[in-house]
Protein backbone atom coordinates (compact mmCIF):
# COMPACT_ATOMS: atom_id res chain seq x y z
CA MET A 1 -20.19 3.60 17.35
CA ASN A 2 -17.13 1.88 16.50
CA LEU A 3 -17.86 -1.57 15.19
CA ALA A 4 -14.39 -2.71 14.89
CA VAL A 5 -13.03 -2.90 18.34
CA ALA A 6 -13.88 -2.26 21.89
CA HIS A 7 -11.47 -1.82 24.85
CA GLN A 8 -10.51 -4.96 26.81
CA GLY A 9 -12.74 -3.65 29.65
CA ALA A 10 -15.63 -5.03 27.55
CA PHE A 11 -15.09 -8.29 29.52
CA ALA A 12 -13.01 -7.59 32.63
CA ASP A 13 -11.38 -10.69 33.88
CA PRO A 14 -9.35 -9.90 37.13
CA LYS A 15 -7.14 -13.02 36.49
CA ARG A 16 -6.28 -12.14 33.07
CA ALA A 17 -2.91 -10.39 32.35
CA VAL A 18 -2.75 -8.01 29.53
CA GLY A 19 -0.15 -9.15 27.01
CA ALA A 20 2.36 -6.32 27.70
CA ALA A 21 2.45 -7.35 31.39
CA VAL A 22 3.24 -11.09 30.62
CA GLN A 23 6.91 -11.99 30.73
CA ALA A 24 8.68 -15.16 29.64
CA PRO A 25 10.14 -16.90 32.62
CA ARG A 26 13.83 -17.51 32.87
CA THR A 27 13.33 -21.10 33.83
CA GLY A 28 10.18 -23.39 33.80
CA LYS A 29 6.88 -22.52 31.99
CA LEU A 30 4.23 -19.96 32.74
CA GLU A 31 0.53 -20.84 32.27
CA VAL A 32 -1.25 -18.24 30.18
CA SER A 33 -4.41 -18.25 28.07
CA ALA A 34 -4.25 -18.26 24.25
CA LEU A 35 -5.36 -14.72 24.17
CA GLU A 36 -2.65 -13.62 26.78
CA LEU A 37 -0.07 -15.44 24.63
CA ILE A 38 -1.11 -13.71 21.31
CA GLU A 39 -1.16 -10.35 23.09
CA TRP A 40 2.35 -10.99 24.66
CA ALA A 41 3.80 -11.95 21.22
CA PHE A 42 2.39 -8.85 19.49
CA GLN A 43 2.86 -6.36 22.27
CA ARG A 44 5.85 -7.39 24.05
CA GLU A 45 7.80 -9.15 21.39
CA LYS A 46 6.60 -6.95 18.60
CA VAL A 47 6.02 -9.82 16.17
CA GLY A 48 4.11 -9.10 13.04
CA LEU A 49 2.60 -11.04 10.08
CA ASP A 50 4.44 -11.43 6.75
CA PHE A 51 2.35 -13.95 4.69
CA ASP A 52 4.69 -13.84 1.62
CA GLU A 53 7.79 -14.64 3.71
CA ILE A 54 6.16 -17.55 5.39
CA GLU A 55 5.05 -19.06 2.12
CA ARG A 56 8.73 -18.50 0.65
CA GLU A 57 10.26 -20.19 3.67
CA THR A 58 7.93 -23.15 3.71
CA GLY A 59 6.92 -23.68 0.10
CA ALA A 60 3.30 -23.82 1.09
CA SER A 61 0.60 -21.17 1.40
CA PRO A 62 -0.72 -20.29 4.75
CA GLY A 63 -4.23 -21.38 5.77
CA PHE A 64 -3.28 -25.19 5.78
CA GLY A 65 -4.46 -25.89 9.24
CA MET A 66 -3.24 -27.88 12.23
CA GLU A 67 -1.66 -30.79 10.12
CA TRP A 68 0.56 -28.26 8.10
CA VAL A 69 1.52 -26.46 11.28
CA LEU A 70 2.61 -29.92 12.89
CA ILE A 71 4.82 -30.66 9.93
CA GLU A 72 6.31 -27.13 9.51
CA GLN A 73 6.41 -25.61 12.95
CA ALA A 74 9.82 -26.87 13.85
CA ARG A 75 11.30 -25.55 10.52
CA LEU A 76 9.54 -22.25 10.96
CA GLY A 77 10.86 -21.91 14.57
CA VAL A 78 14.45 -21.93 13.13
CA LYS A 79 14.11 -20.37 9.66
CA GLY A 80 10.97 -18.41 9.78
CA ARG A 81 11.43 -14.67 9.83
CA ILE A 82 8.06 -13.27 10.79
CA GLN A 83 8.30 -9.51 10.50
CA GLY A 84 9.05 -7.87 13.76
CA GLY A 85 9.42 -4.34 15.19
CA GLY A 86 13.14 -4.46 16.00
CA SER A 87 16.51 -5.95 15.15
CA SER A 88 16.92 -8.14 18.30
CA PRO A 89 16.02 -11.75 18.04
CA ARG A 90 12.44 -12.48 19.02
CA HIS A 91 11.37 -15.21 21.56
CA HIS A 92 10.80 -18.69 19.94
CA ASP A 93 7.28 -18.85 21.50
CA ALA A 94 6.60 -15.50 19.81
CA ASP A 95 7.51 -16.75 16.45
CA MET A 96 5.46 -19.79 16.97
CA VAL A 97 2.36 -17.60 17.69
CA ALA A 98 2.90 -15.31 14.53
CA ALA A 99 3.37 -18.45 12.47
CA SER A 100 0.32 -20.20 13.67
CA LEU A 101 -1.61 -17.20 13.19
CA ALA A 102 -0.49 -16.53 9.77
CA CYS A 103 -1.63 -20.27 8.89
CA LEU A 104 -5.06 -19.80 10.22
CA PRO A 105 -7.38 -21.94 8.00
CA GLU A 106 -10.04 -20.36 5.72
CA THR A 107 -12.57 -22.16 7.96
CA TYR A 108 -11.71 -19.77 10.79
CA GLY A 109 -11.45 -16.58 8.65
CA GLY A 110 -8.06 -17.13 7.04
CA ARG A 111 -5.69 -14.11 6.46
CA ARG A 112 -8.41 -11.51 7.15
CA MET A 113 -9.28 -13.00 10.54
CA ALA A 114 -5.38 -13.24 11.13
CA VAL A 115 -4.95 -9.64 10.56
CA MET A 116 -7.94 -8.66 12.75
CA ILE A 117 -6.67 -10.86 15.69
CA ALA A 118 -3.18 -9.38 15.21
CA GLU A 119 -4.45 -5.71 15.17
CA LEU A 120 -6.63 -6.27 18.23
CA ALA A 121 -3.88 -8.06 20.27
CA ARG A 122 -1.43 -5.27 19.49
CA ALA A 123 -3.94 -2.81 20.88
CA GLY A 124 -5.06 -5.02 23.78
CA GLU A 125 -8.72 -4.90 22.56
CA VAL A 126 -11.58 -7.29 21.60
CA PRO A 127 -14.18 -7.18 18.79
CA ASP A 128 -16.95 -4.65 19.68
CA TRP A 129 -20.08 -6.76 20.44
CA MET A 130 -22.20 -3.54 21.08
CA GLY A 131 -22.79 -4.10 24.63
CA GLY A 132 -25.84 -2.34 25.65
CA ALA A 133 -26.97 -1.38 22.23
CA VAL A 134 -30.56 -1.57 21.42
CA PRO A 135 -32.37 -0.81 18.03
CA ALA A 136 -33.29 2.80 17.77
CA CYS A 137 -35.24 5.20 15.43
CA GLU A 138 -34.27 8.90 15.65
CA PRO A 139 -35.31 11.92 13.59
CA VAL A 140 -32.79 12.94 10.92
CA ASP A 141 -32.56 16.40 12.55
CA TRP A 142 -33.86 18.42 15.35
CA ARG A 143 -34.88 22.19 15.61
CA GLY A 144 -35.39 24.36 18.64
CA SER A 145 -38.10 26.88 19.46
CA LYS A 146 -39.49 28.57 22.30
CA HIS A 147 -41.70 25.67 23.03
CA GLY A 148 -38.93 23.18 23.08
CA ARG A 149 -37.20 20.70 20.92
CA TYR A 150 -38.93 19.15 17.93
CA ALA A 151 -38.05 16.89 15.12
CA VAL A 152 -37.53 18.60 11.72
CA ARG A 153 -40.21 17.90 9.17
CA GLU A 154 -40.90 18.26 5.54
CA VAL A 155 -43.69 18.02 3.08
CA CYS A 156 -44.08 14.51 1.86
CA ARG A 157 -43.70 14.44 -1.80
CA VAL A 158 -43.40 10.66 -2.26
CA PRO A 159 -46.35 9.44 -4.52
CA GLY A 160 -48.54 6.82 -3.17
CA LEU A 161 -48.13 7.81 0.52
CA ARG A 162 -51.03 8.98 2.81
CA TRP A 163 -50.70 12.56 2.20
CA PRO A 164 -49.17 13.32 -1.16
CA ALA A 165 -48.43 16.98 -1.90
CA ASP A 166 -51.17 17.31 -4.20
CA GLN A 167 -53.88 16.32 -1.54
CA VAL A 168 -52.75 18.30 1.49
CA ALA A 169 -56.03 19.37 3.26
CA GLY A 170 -54.81 21.62 5.94
CA ARG A 171 -51.78 23.52 7.43
CA ASP A 172 -50.51 20.55 9.42
CA ASN A 173 -51.25 17.96 6.86
CA GLY A 174 -49.04 16.58 4.18
CA TYR A 175 -45.83 16.64 6.44
CA TRP A 176 -43.57 13.78 7.58
CA CYS A 177 -40.56 13.47 9.90
CA PRO A 178 -37.46 11.87 8.06
CA VAL A 179 -35.96 9.15 10.44
CA THR A 180 -32.70 7.32 10.51
CA TYR A 181 -31.70 4.11 12.42
CA PRO A 182 -28.21 4.69 14.00
CA VAL A 183 -28.50 1.27 15.50
CA ASP A 184 -30.57 -1.64 14.12
CA ALA A 185 -30.98 -5.29 14.91
CA ARG A 186 -28.89 -6.23 11.86
CA MET A 187 -26.12 -4.10 13.16
CA ILE A 188 -26.05 -5.60 16.53
CA ALA A 189 -26.35 -9.19 15.04
CA ALA A 190 -23.50 -8.58 12.62
CA ALA A 191 -21.20 -7.22 15.53
CA ARG A 192 -21.96 -10.32 17.79
CA ARG A 193 -21.32 -12.63 14.82
CA ARG A 194 -18.02 -10.94 14.38
CA TYR A 195 -17.17 -11.53 18.05
CA LEU A 196 -18.19 -15.06 17.93
CA ASP A 197 -15.99 -15.73 14.66
CA TRP A 198 -13.11 -14.04 16.55
CA ARG A 199 -13.71 -16.21 19.74
CA GLY A 200 -13.85 -19.46 17.38
CA ALA A 201 -10.49 -18.54 15.82
CA ILE A 202 -8.96 -17.93 19.16
CA HIS A 203 -10.22 -21.34 20.31
CA HIS A 204 -8.66 -23.10 17.24
CA LEU A 205 -5.41 -21.30 17.95
CA GLN A 206 -5.63 -22.47 21.59
CA LEU A 207 -5.60 -25.98 20.27
CA ILE A 208 -2.69 -25.21 18.04
CA PHE A 209 -0.66 -23.90 20.86
CA GLN A 210 -1.42 -26.95 23.17
CA MET A 211 -1.07 -29.57 20.54
CA ALA A 212 1.01 -28.57 17.55
CA CYS A 213 3.55 -25.93 18.88
CA HIS A 214 6.60 -26.63 20.92
CA LEU A 215 6.47 -23.74 23.28
CA THR A 216 9.49 -23.36 25.33
CA SER A 217 8.40 -20.85 28.10
CA PHE A 218 4.62 -21.08 28.21
CA THR A 219 1.86 -23.55 28.60
CA VAL A 220 -1.46 -22.68 27.30
CA SER A 221 -4.66 -22.99 29.50
CA ASN A 222 -8.22 -23.84 28.64
CA SER A 223 -9.27 -20.26 29.50
CA LEU A 224 -11.22 -18.45 26.57
CA PRO A 225 -12.91 -15.13 26.25
CA PRO A 226 -16.70 -15.27 27.36
CA ARG A 227 -18.79 -17.06 24.90
CA ALA A 228 -21.64 -14.44 24.87
CA PRO A 229 -20.74 -11.48 27.02
CA TRP A 230 -23.89 -9.60 25.93
CA LYS A 231 -25.66 -12.49 27.88
CA GLY A 232 -23.15 -12.32 30.91
CA ALA A 233 -21.85 -15.78 29.89
């Protein structure tokens, strides 16, 4: 199971537009969610993240938070050259998205989270929260016979267990079935923690877009990804 990403259908929102379908209006402003705006910037406008160039342009390291963005966002909007996928000028709002993401504070995951958000946004995906997964214990291998399918077993040679090899009493004693845990509670918990961290970063960026960025074509709504999709919430 891929623990990195899951398709956007993991939480289908009939009102949510995937980023590539969002278009900047010619006049006025379009209301979008923070996630829609990020996906629009990375999918349609082809922005990227160049942390070194942002640092050169502003003289400050990314990760300074909202106050730093408030001071620098106007200058970034004119001078910043966030690495993109083409030669044509990118939309001002897309550069604001990339700059804000590149300045994500360490409290919200810093550069590592910024890269994760960018990659997911570019693919139109969300973190895999392992929906429907339950802890499982399975035999390491199986064998077939005329009587059906059975777990592969072997002689237990670990000292101190119930039937060490030197105390085998009968034909069927002294064997065990090696098992594996393809999914365990720790894996599920880690995947959901990763999702919650991602959502927390999206929430922070939502506030940045609403309060610190002078967007010219969009307004950002209060809509966020579900808090706990594994609970239907």
